[in-house]
Amino acid sequence: MVHALADFAGIALLLPKLALAQCAMCKANVIASGDNNLAAGLRAGILLLMSMPYLIVGTVALAIYLAHRRSLRLRMEN
C-alpha cells in the first residue's frame, strides 16, 4: 500500500511539468499554423476535457442526494 501511494505521489509530481510542456507545444503549433479553426477546435477540446470532472462529480452528488431524500421519505412513511 505504501509503495502504491509513493508511486502515485511520484506520478502526480511529474504530471504538471508534462502538462505544461504539452500546452506549450499546442500553443506553438496553433500560432505557427495561423489557422483560426484549429484554435477554435483546441479551445473547444479544452472546455470539453475541463467539464468532464465537474459532470462526473455532479452526477455522483445528485445520486447521493436523491438516495438520501428517498430514504428520508421512506422513513417518514413507516
PDB file of N, CA and C in Angstrom:
ATOM      1  N   MET A   1       0.824  -1.191   0.000  1.00  0.00           N
ATOM      2  CA  MET A   1       0.000   0.000   0.000  1.00  0.00           C
ATOM      3  C   MET A   1       0.871   1.259   0.000  1.00  0.00           C
ATOM      4  N   VAL A   2       1.926   1.243   0.793  1.00  0.00           N
ATOM      5  CA  VAL A   2       2.817   2.396   0.870  1.00  0.00           C
ATOM      6  C   VAL A   2       3.492   2.622  -0.474  1.00  0.00           C
ATOM      7  N   HIS A   3       3.862   1.527  -1.144  1.00  0.00           N
ATOM      8  CA  HIS A   3       4.506   1.659  -2.452  1.00  0.00           C
ATOM      9  C   HIS A   3       3.553   2.270  -3.477  1.00  0.00           C
ATOM     10  N   ALA A   4       2.289   1.896  -3.410  1.00  0.00           N
ATOM     11  CA  ALA A   4       1.309   2.448  -4.353  1.00  0.00           C
ATOM     12  C   ALA A   4       1.136   3.946  -4.123  1.00  0.00           C
ATOM     13  N   LEU A   5       1.111   4.359  -2.863  1.00  0.00           N
ATOM     14  CA  LEU A   5       0.992   5.782  -2.560  1.00  0.00           C
ATOM     15  C   LEU A   5       2.227   6.550  -3.013  1.00  0.00           C
ATOM     16  N   ALA A   6       3.389   5.956  -2.829  1.00  0.00           N
ATOM     17  CA  ALA A   6       4.627   6.604  -3.262  1.00  0.00           C
ATOM     18  C   ALA A   6       4.666   6.712  -4.784  1.00  0.00           C
ATOM     19  N   ASP A   7       4.218   5.675  -5.481  1.00  0.00           N
ATOM     20  CA  ASP A   7       4.166   5.728  -6.943  1.00  0.00           C
ATOM     21  C   ASP A   7       3.206   6.816  -7.410  1.00  0.00           C
ATOM     22  N   PHE A   8       2.034   6.879  -6.769  1.00  0.00           N
ATOM     23  CA  PHE A   8       1.051   7.899  -7.133  1.00  0.00           C
ATOM     24  C   PHE A   8       1.604   9.302  -6.903  1.00  0.00           C
ATOM     25  N   ALA A   9       2.278   9.510  -5.783  1.00  0.00           N
ATOM     26  CA  ALA A   9       2.848  10.827  -5.479  1.00  0.00           C
ATOM     27  C   ALA A   9       3.924  11.183  -6.501  1.00  0.00           C
ATOM     28  N   GLY A  10       4.722  10.217  -6.894  1.00  0.00           N
ATOM     29  CA  GLY A  10       5.756  10.472  -7.891  1.00  0.00           C
ATOM     30  C   GLY A  10       5.177  10.842  -9.240  1.00  0.00           C
ATOM     31  N   ILE A  11       4.128  10.140  -9.637  1.00  0.00           N
ATOM     32  CA  ILE A  11       3.478  10.456 -10.912  1.00  0.00           C
ATOM     33  C   ILE A  11       2.815  11.823 -10.843  1.00  0.00           C
ATOM     34  N   ALA A  12       2.155  12.129  -9.730  1.00  0.00           N
ATOM     35  CA  ALA A  12       1.469  13.410  -9.586  1.00  0.00           C
ATOM     36  C   ALA A  12       2.444  14.583  -9.641  1.00  0.00           C
ATOM     37  N   LEU A  13       3.645  14.382  -9.150  1.00  0.00           N
ATOM     38  CA  LEU A  13       4.644  15.447  -9.200  1.00  0.00           C
ATOM     39  C   LEU A  13       5.166  15.670 -10.614  1.00  0.00           C
ATOM     40  N   LEU A  14       5.145  14.638 -11.433  1.00  0.00           N
ATOM     41  CA  LEU A  14       5.650  14.767 -12.792  1.00  0.00           C
ATOM     42  C   LEU A  14       4.604  15.310 -13.760  1.00  0.00           C
ATOM     43  N   LEU A  15       3.344  15.094 -13.485  1.00  0.00           N
ATOM     44  CA  LEU A  15       2.301  15.473 -14.434  1.00  0.00           C
ATOM     45  C   LEU A  15       2.223  16.969 -14.730  1.00  0.00           C
ATOM     46  N   PRO A  16       2.335  17.866 -13.761  1.00  0.00           N
ATOM     47  CA  PRO A  16       2.240  19.285 -14.131  1.00  0.00           C
ATOM     48  C   PRO A  16       3.303  19.706 -15.133  1.00  0.00           C
ATOM     49  N   LYS A  17       4.510  19.179 -14.999  1.00  0.00           N
ATOM     50  CA  LYS A  17       5.565  19.525 -15.952  1.00  0.00           C
ATOM     51  C   LYS A  17       5.220  18.993 -17.336  1.00  0.00           C
ATOM     52  N   LEU A  18       4.697  17.776 -17.403  1.00  0.00           N
ATOM     53  CA  LEU A  18       4.319  17.209 -18.692  1.00  0.00           C
ATOM     54  C   LEU A  18       3.148  17.978 -19.295  1.00  0.00           C
ATOM     55  N   ALA A  19       2.195  18.369 -18.473  1.00  0.00           N
ATOM     56  CA  ALA A  19       1.033  19.100 -18.973  1.00  0.00           C
ATOM     57  C   ALA A  19       1.444  20.464 -19.498  1.00  0.00           C
ATOM     58  N   LEU A  20       2.325  21.131 -18.794  1.00  0.00           N
ATOM     59  CA  LEU A  20       2.781  22.436 -19.270  1.00  0.00           C
ATOM     60  C   LEU A  20       3.557  22.315 -20.568  1.00  0.00           C
ATOM     61  N   ALA A  21       4.323  21.253 -20.704  1.00  0.00           N
ATOM     62  CA  ALA A  21       5.068  21.051 -21.941  1.00  0.00           C
ATOM     63  C   ALA A  21       4.113  20.833 -23.098  1.00  0.00           C
ATOM     64  N   GLN A  22       3.073  20.072 -22.888  1.00  0.00           N
ATOM     65  CA  GLN A  22       2.107  19.823 -23.953  1.00  0.00           C
ATOM     66  C   GLN A  22       1.355  21.093 -24.315  1.00  0.00           C
ATOM     67  N   CYS A  23       0.990  21.891 -23.318  1.00  0.00           N
ATOM     68  CA  CYS A  23       0.288  23.146 -23.604  1.00  0.00           C
ATOM     69  C   CYS A  23       1.161  24.076 -24.436  1.00  0.00           C
ATOM     70  N   ALA A  24       2.423  24.144 -24.109  1.00  0.00           N
ATOM     71  CA  ALA A  24       3.331  24.999 -24.871  1.00  0.00           C
ATOM     72  C   ALA A  24       3.469  24.499 -26.302  1.00  0.00           C
ATOM     73  N   MET A  25       3.502  23.192 -26.474  1.00  0.00           N
ATOM     74  CA  MET A  25       3.622  22.639 -27.818  1.00  0.00           C
ATOM     75  C   MET A  25       2.356  22.914 -28.627  1.00  0.00           C
ATOM     76  N   CYS A  26       1.197  22.752 -28.014  1.00  0.00           N
ATOM     77  CA  CYS A  26      -0.064  23.023 -28.726  1.00  0.00           C
ATOM     78  C   CYS A  26      -0.151  24.493 -29.103  1.00  0.00           C
ATOM     79  N   LYS A  27       0.201  25.355 -28.166  1.00  0.00           N
ATOM     80  CA  LYS A  27       0.135  26.792 -28.431  1.00  0.00           C
ATOM     81  C   LYS A  27       1.086  27.167 -29.570  1.00  0.00           C
ATOM     82  N   ALA A  28       2.276  26.606 -29.561  1.00  0.00           N
ATOM     83  CA  ALA A  28       3.244  26.905 -30.620  1.00  0.00           C
ATOM     84  C   ALA A  28       2.738  26.426 -31.973  1.00  0.00           C
ATOM     85  N   ASN A  29       2.099  25.266 -32.007  1.00  0.00           N
ATOM     86  CA  ASN A  29       1.561  24.750 -33.270  1.00  0.00           C
ATOM     87  C   ASN A  29       0.423  25.612 -33.791  1.00  0.00           C
ATOM     88  N   VAL A  30      -0.438  26.073 -32.900  1.00  0.00           N
ATOM     89  CA  VAL A  30      -1.563  26.913 -33.321  1.00  0.00           C
ATOM     90  C   VAL A  30      -1.055  28.254 -33.837  1.00  0.00           C
ATOM     91  N   ILE A  31      -0.092  28.825 -33.146  1.00  0.00           N
ATOM     92  CA  ILE A  31       0.460  30.109 -33.586  1.00  0.00           C
ATOM     93  C   ILE A  31       1.169  29.948 -34.929  1.00  0.00           C
ATOM     94  N   ALA A  32       1.905  28.865 -35.092  1.00  0.00           N
ATOM     95  CA  ALA A  32       2.647  28.653 -36.337  1.00  0.00           C
ATOM     96  C   ALA A  32       1.714  28.405 -37.516  1.00  0.00           C
ATOM     97  N   SER A  33       0.600  27.734 -37.271  1.00  0.00           N
ATOM     98  CA  SER A  33      -0.303  27.428 -38.390  1.00  0.00           C
ATOM     99  C   SER A  33      -1.129  28.633 -38.798  1.00  0.00           C
ATOM    100  N   GLY A  34      -1.474  29.491 -37.847  1.00  0.00           N
ATOM    101  CA  GLY A  34      -2.281  30.662 -38.155  1.00  0.00           C
ATOM    102  C   GLY A  34      -3.716  30.322 -38.502  1.00  0.00           C
ATOM    103  N   ASP A  35      -4.138  29.110 -38.236  1.00  0.00           N
ATOM    104  CA  ASP A  35      -5.483  28.650 -38.571  1.00  0.00           C
ATOM    105  C   ASP A  35      -6.437  28.935 -37.414  1.00  0.00           C
ATOM    106  N   ASN A  36      -7.433  29.768 -37.651  1.00  0.00           N
ATOM    107  CA  ASN A  36      -8.396  30.102 -36.591  1.00  0.00           C
ATOM    108  C   ASN A  36      -9.288  28.922 -36.252  1.00  0.00           C
ATOM    109  N   ASN A  37      -9.580  28.065 -37.230  1.00  0.00           N
ATOM    110  CA  ASN A  37     -10.398  26.884 -36.961  1.00  0.00           C
ATOM    111  C   ASN A  37      -9.678  25.929 -36.015  1.00  0.00           C
ATOM    112  N   LEU A  38      -8.383  25.823 -36.178  1.00  0.00           N
ATOM    113  CA  LEU A  38      -7.591  24.967 -35.296  1.00  0.00           C
ATOM    114  C   LEU A  38      -7.611  25.513 -33.869  1.00  0.00           C
ATOM    115  N   ALA A  39      -7.479  26.816 -33.731  1.00  0.00           N
ATOM    116  CA  ALA A  39      -7.512  27.431 -32.404  1.00  0.00           C
ATOM    117  C   ALA A  39      -8.882  27.248 -31.765  1.00  0.00           C
ATOM    118  N   ALA A  40      -9.945  27.405 -32.535  1.00  0.00           N
ATOM    119  CA  ALA A  40     -11.296  27.212 -32.004  1.00  0.00           C
ATOM    120  C   ALA A  40     -11.508  25.758 -31.583  1.00  0.00           C
ATOM    121  N   GLY A  41     -11.019  24.829 -32.379  1.00  0.00           N
ATOM    122  CA  GLY A  41     -11.127  23.417 -32.032  1.00  0.00           C
ATOM    123  C   GLY A  41     -10.345  23.074 -30.777  1.00  0.00           C
ATOM    124  N   LEU A  42      -9.182  23.671 -30.654  1.00  0.00           N
ATOM    125  CA  LEU A  42      -8.364  23.435 -29.463  1.00  0.00           C
ATOM    126  C   LEU A  42      -9.066  23.959 -28.214  1.00  0.00           C
ATOM    127  N   ARG A  43      -9.640  25.157 -28.314  1.00  0.00           N
ATOM    128  CA  ARG A  43     -10.373  25.716 -27.171  1.00  0.00           C
ATOM    129  C   ARG A  43     -11.592  24.856 -26.817  1.00  0.00           C
ATOM    130  N   ALA A  44     -12.311  24.377 -27.823  1.00  0.00           N
ATOM    131  CA  ALA A  44     -13.478  23.527 -27.577  1.00  0.00           C
ATOM    132  C   ALA A  44     -13.051  22.218 -26.909  1.00  0.00           C
ATOM    133  N   GLY A  45     -11.940  21.655 -27.347  1.00  0.00           N
ATOM    134  CA  GLY A  45     -11.437  20.428 -26.735  1.00  0.00           C
ATOM    135  C   GLY A  45     -11.043  20.632 -25.291  1.00  0.00           C
ATOM    136  N   ILE A  46     -10.427  21.750 -25.000  1.00  0.00           N
ATOM    137  CA  ILE A  46     -10.037  22.061 -23.619  1.00  0.00           C
ATOM    138  C   ILE A  46     -11.272  22.206 -22.740  1.00  0.00           C
ATOM    139  N   LEU A  47     -12.282  22.907 -23.241  1.00  0.00           N
ATOM    140  CA  LEU A  47     -13.515  23.069 -22.466  1.00  0.00           C
ATOM    141  C   LEU A  47     -14.215  21.736 -22.238  1.00  0.00           C
ATOM    142  N   LEU A  48     -14.209  20.879 -23.240  1.00  0.00           N
ATOM    143  CA  LEU A  48     -14.818  19.565 -23.093  1.00  0.00           C
ATOM    144  C   LEU A  48     -14.086  18.746 -22.033  1.00  0.00           C
ATOM    145  N   LEU A  49     -12.773  18.720 -22.108  1.00  0.00           N
ATOM    146  CA  LEU A  49     -11.998  17.964 -21.126  1.00  0.00           C
ATOM    147  C   LEU A  49     -12.131  18.552 -19.721  1.00  0.00           C
ATOM    148  N   MET A  50     -12.246  19.869 -19.640  1.00  0.00           N
ATOM    149  CA  MET A  50     -12.362  20.528 -18.345  1.00  0.00           C
ATOM    150  C   MET A  50     -13.734  20.278 -17.710  1.00  0.00           C
ATOM    151  N   SER A  51     -14.763  20.110 -18.522  1.00  0.00           N
ATOM    152  CA  SER A  51     -16.108  19.948 -17.982  1.00  0.00           C
ATOM    153  C   SER A  51     -16.385  18.535 -17.472  1.00  0.00           C
ATOM    154  N   MET A  52     -15.673  17.549 -17.951  1.00  0.00           N
ATOM    155  CA  MET A  52     -15.969  16.166 -17.586  1.00  0.00           C
ATOM    156  C   MET A  52     -15.854  15.879 -16.080  1.00  0.00           C
ATOM    157  N   PRO A  53     -14.802  16.300 -15.386  1.00  0.00           N
ATOM    158  CA  PRO A  53     -14.763  16.023 -13.948  1.00  0.00           C
ATOM    159  C   PRO A  53     -15.938  16.654 -13.193  1.00  0.00           C
ATOM    160  N   TYR A  54     -16.329  17.864 -13.587  1.00  0.00           N
ATOM    161  CA  TYR A  54     -17.460  18.512 -12.937  1.00  0.00           C
ATOM    162  C   TYR A  54     -18.751  17.747 -13.204  1.00  0.00           C
ATOM    163  N   LEU A  55     -18.912  17.250 -14.402  1.00  0.00           N
ATOM    164  CA  LEU A  55     -20.096  16.483 -14.754  1.00  0.00           C
ATOM    165  C   LEU A  55     -20.162  15.177 -13.958  1.00  0.00           C
ATOM    166  N   ILE A  56     -19.040  14.515 -13.822  1.00  0.00           N
ATOM    167  CA  ILE A  56     -18.996  13.255 -13.071  1.00  0.00           C
ATOM    168  C   ILE A  56     -19.294  13.497 -11.596  1.00  0.00           C
ATOM    169  N   VAL A  57     -18.642  14.489 -11.004  1.00  0.00           N
ATOM    170  CA  VAL A  57     -18.861  14.791  -9.584  1.00  0.00           C
ATOM    171  C   VAL A  57     -20.302  15.236  -9.358  1.00  0.00           C
ATOM    172  N   GLY A  58     -20.846  16.031 -10.259  1.00  0.00           N
ATOM    173  CA  GLY A  58     -22.229  16.479 -10.128  1.00  0.00           C
ATOM    174  C   GLY A  58     -23.206  15.327 -10.207  1.00  0.00           C
ATOM    175  N   THR A  59     -22.950  14.374 -11.089  1.00  0.00           N
ATOM    176  CA  THR A  59     -23.819  13.205 -11.214  1.00  0.00           C
ATOM    177  C   THR A  59     -23.783  12.359  -9.951  1.00  0.00           C
ATOM    178  N   VAL A  60     -22.604  12.144  -9.408  1.00  0.00           N
ATOM    179  CA  VAL A  60     -22.478  11.372  -8.175  1.00  0.00           C
ATOM    180  C   VAL A  60     -23.171  12.102  -7.014  1.00  0.00           C
ATOM    181  N   ALA A  61     -22.978  13.409  -6.918  1.00  0.00           N
ATOM    182  CA  ALA A  61     -23.617  14.185  -5.857  1.00  0.00           C
ATOM    183  C   ALA A  61     -25.138  14.140  -5.986  1.00  0.00           C
ATOM    184  N   LEU A  62     -25.649  14.218  -7.204  1.00  0.00           N
ATOM    185  CA  LEU A  62     -27.094  14.135  -7.418  1.00  0.00           C
ATOM    186  C   LEU A  62     -27.626  12.762  -7.012  1.00  0.00           C
ATOM    187  N   ALA A  63     -26.907  11.708  -7.350  1.00  0.00           N
ATOM    188  CA  ALA A  63     -27.331  10.360  -6.976  1.00  0.00           C
ATOM    189  C   ALA A  63     -27.362  10.199  -5.453  1.00  0.00           C
ATOM    190  N   ILE A  64     -26.358  10.737  -4.783  1.00  0.00           N
ATOM    191  CA  ILE A  64     -26.331  10.659  -3.316  1.00  0.00           C
ATOM    192  C   ILE A  64     -27.481  11.455  -2.721  1.00  0.00           C
ATOM    193  N   TYR A  65     -27.733  12.646  -3.242  1.00  0.00           N
ATOM    194  CA  TYR A  65     -28.822  13.487  -2.753  1.00  0.00           C
ATOM    195  C   TYR A  65     -30.175  12.796  -2.935  1.00  0.00           C
ATOM    196  N   LEU A  66     -30.401  12.228  -4.124  1.00  0.00           N
ATOM    197  CA  LEU A  66     -31.672  11.562  -4.372  1.00  0.00           C
ATOM    198  C   LEU A  66     -31.847  10.324  -3.497  1.00  0.00           C
ATOM    199  N   ALA A  67     -30.778   9.574  -3.272  1.00  0.00           N
ATOM    200  CA  ALA A  67     -30.854   8.406  -2.391  1.00  0.00           C
ATOM    201  C   ALA A  67     -31.159   8.831  -0.963  1.00  0.00           C
ATOM    202  N   HIS A  68     -30.548   9.907  -0.511  1.00  0.00           N
ATOM    203  CA  HIS A  68     -30.800  10.405   0.843  1.00  0.00           C
ATOM    204  C   HIS A  68     -32.246  10.877   0.977  1.00  0.00           C
ATOM    205  N   ARG A  69     -32.725  11.607  -0.018  1.00  0.00           N
ATOM    206  CA  ARG A  69     -34.100  12.098   0.009  1.00  0.00           C
ATOM    207  C   ARG A  69     -35.097  10.944  -0.026  1.00  0.00           C
ATOM    208  N   ARG A  70     -34.799   9.905  -0.804  1.00  0.00           N
ATOM    209  CA  ARG A  70     -35.664   8.733  -0.877  1.00  0.00           C
ATOM    210  C   ARG A  70     -35.700   8.007   0.456  1.00  0.00           C
ATOM    211  N   SER A  71     -34.539   7.890   1.117  1.00  0.00           N
ATOM    212  CA  SER A  71     -34.510   7.201   2.416  1.00  0.00           C
ATOM    213  C   SER A  71     -35.270   8.001   3.474  1.00  0.00           C
ATOM    214  N   LEU A  72     -35.201   9.323   3.418  1.00  0.00           N
ATOM    215  CA  LEU A  72     -35.980  10.130   4.359  1.00  0.00           C
ATOM    216  C   LEU A  72     -37.476   9.969   4.115  1.00  0.00           C
ATOM    217  N   ARG A  73     -37.885   9.928   2.862  1.00  0.00           N
ATOM    218  CA  ARG A  73     -39.289   9.771   2.542  1.00  0.00           C
ATOM    219  C   ARG A  73     -39.798   8.411   3.003  1.00  0.00           C
ATOM    220  N   LEU A  74     -39.005   7.358   2.814  1.00  0.00           N
ATOM    221  CA  LEU A  74     -39.407   6.028   3.268  1.00  0.00           C
ATOM    222  C   LEU A  74     -39.480   5.948   4.780  1.00  0.00           C
ATOM    223  N   ARG A  75     -38.580   6.636   5.466  1.00  0.00           N
ATOM    224  CA  ARG A  75     -38.589   6.664   6.922  1.00  0.00           C
ATOM    225  C   ARG A  75     -39.831   7.372   7.446  1.00  0.00           C
ATOM    226  N   MET A  76     -40.261   8.431   6.743  1.00  0.00           N
ATOM    227  CA  MET A  76     -41.444   9.190   7.163  1.00  0.00           C
ATOM    228  C   MET A  76     -42.712   8.362   6.950  1.00  0.00           C
ATOM    229  N   GLU A  77     -42.747   7.518   5.908  1.00  0.00           N
ATOM    230  CA  GLU A  77     -43.927   6.704   5.623  1.00  0.00           C
ATOM    231  C   GLU A  77     -44.075   5.583   6.630  1.00  0.00           C
ATOM    232  N   ASN A  78     -42.977   5.081   7.164  1.00  0.00           N
ATOM    233  CA  ASN A  78     -43.044   3.950   8.122  1.00  0.00           C
ATOM    234  C   ASN A  78     -43.196   4.425   9.492  1.00  0.00           C
TER     235      ASN A  78
END
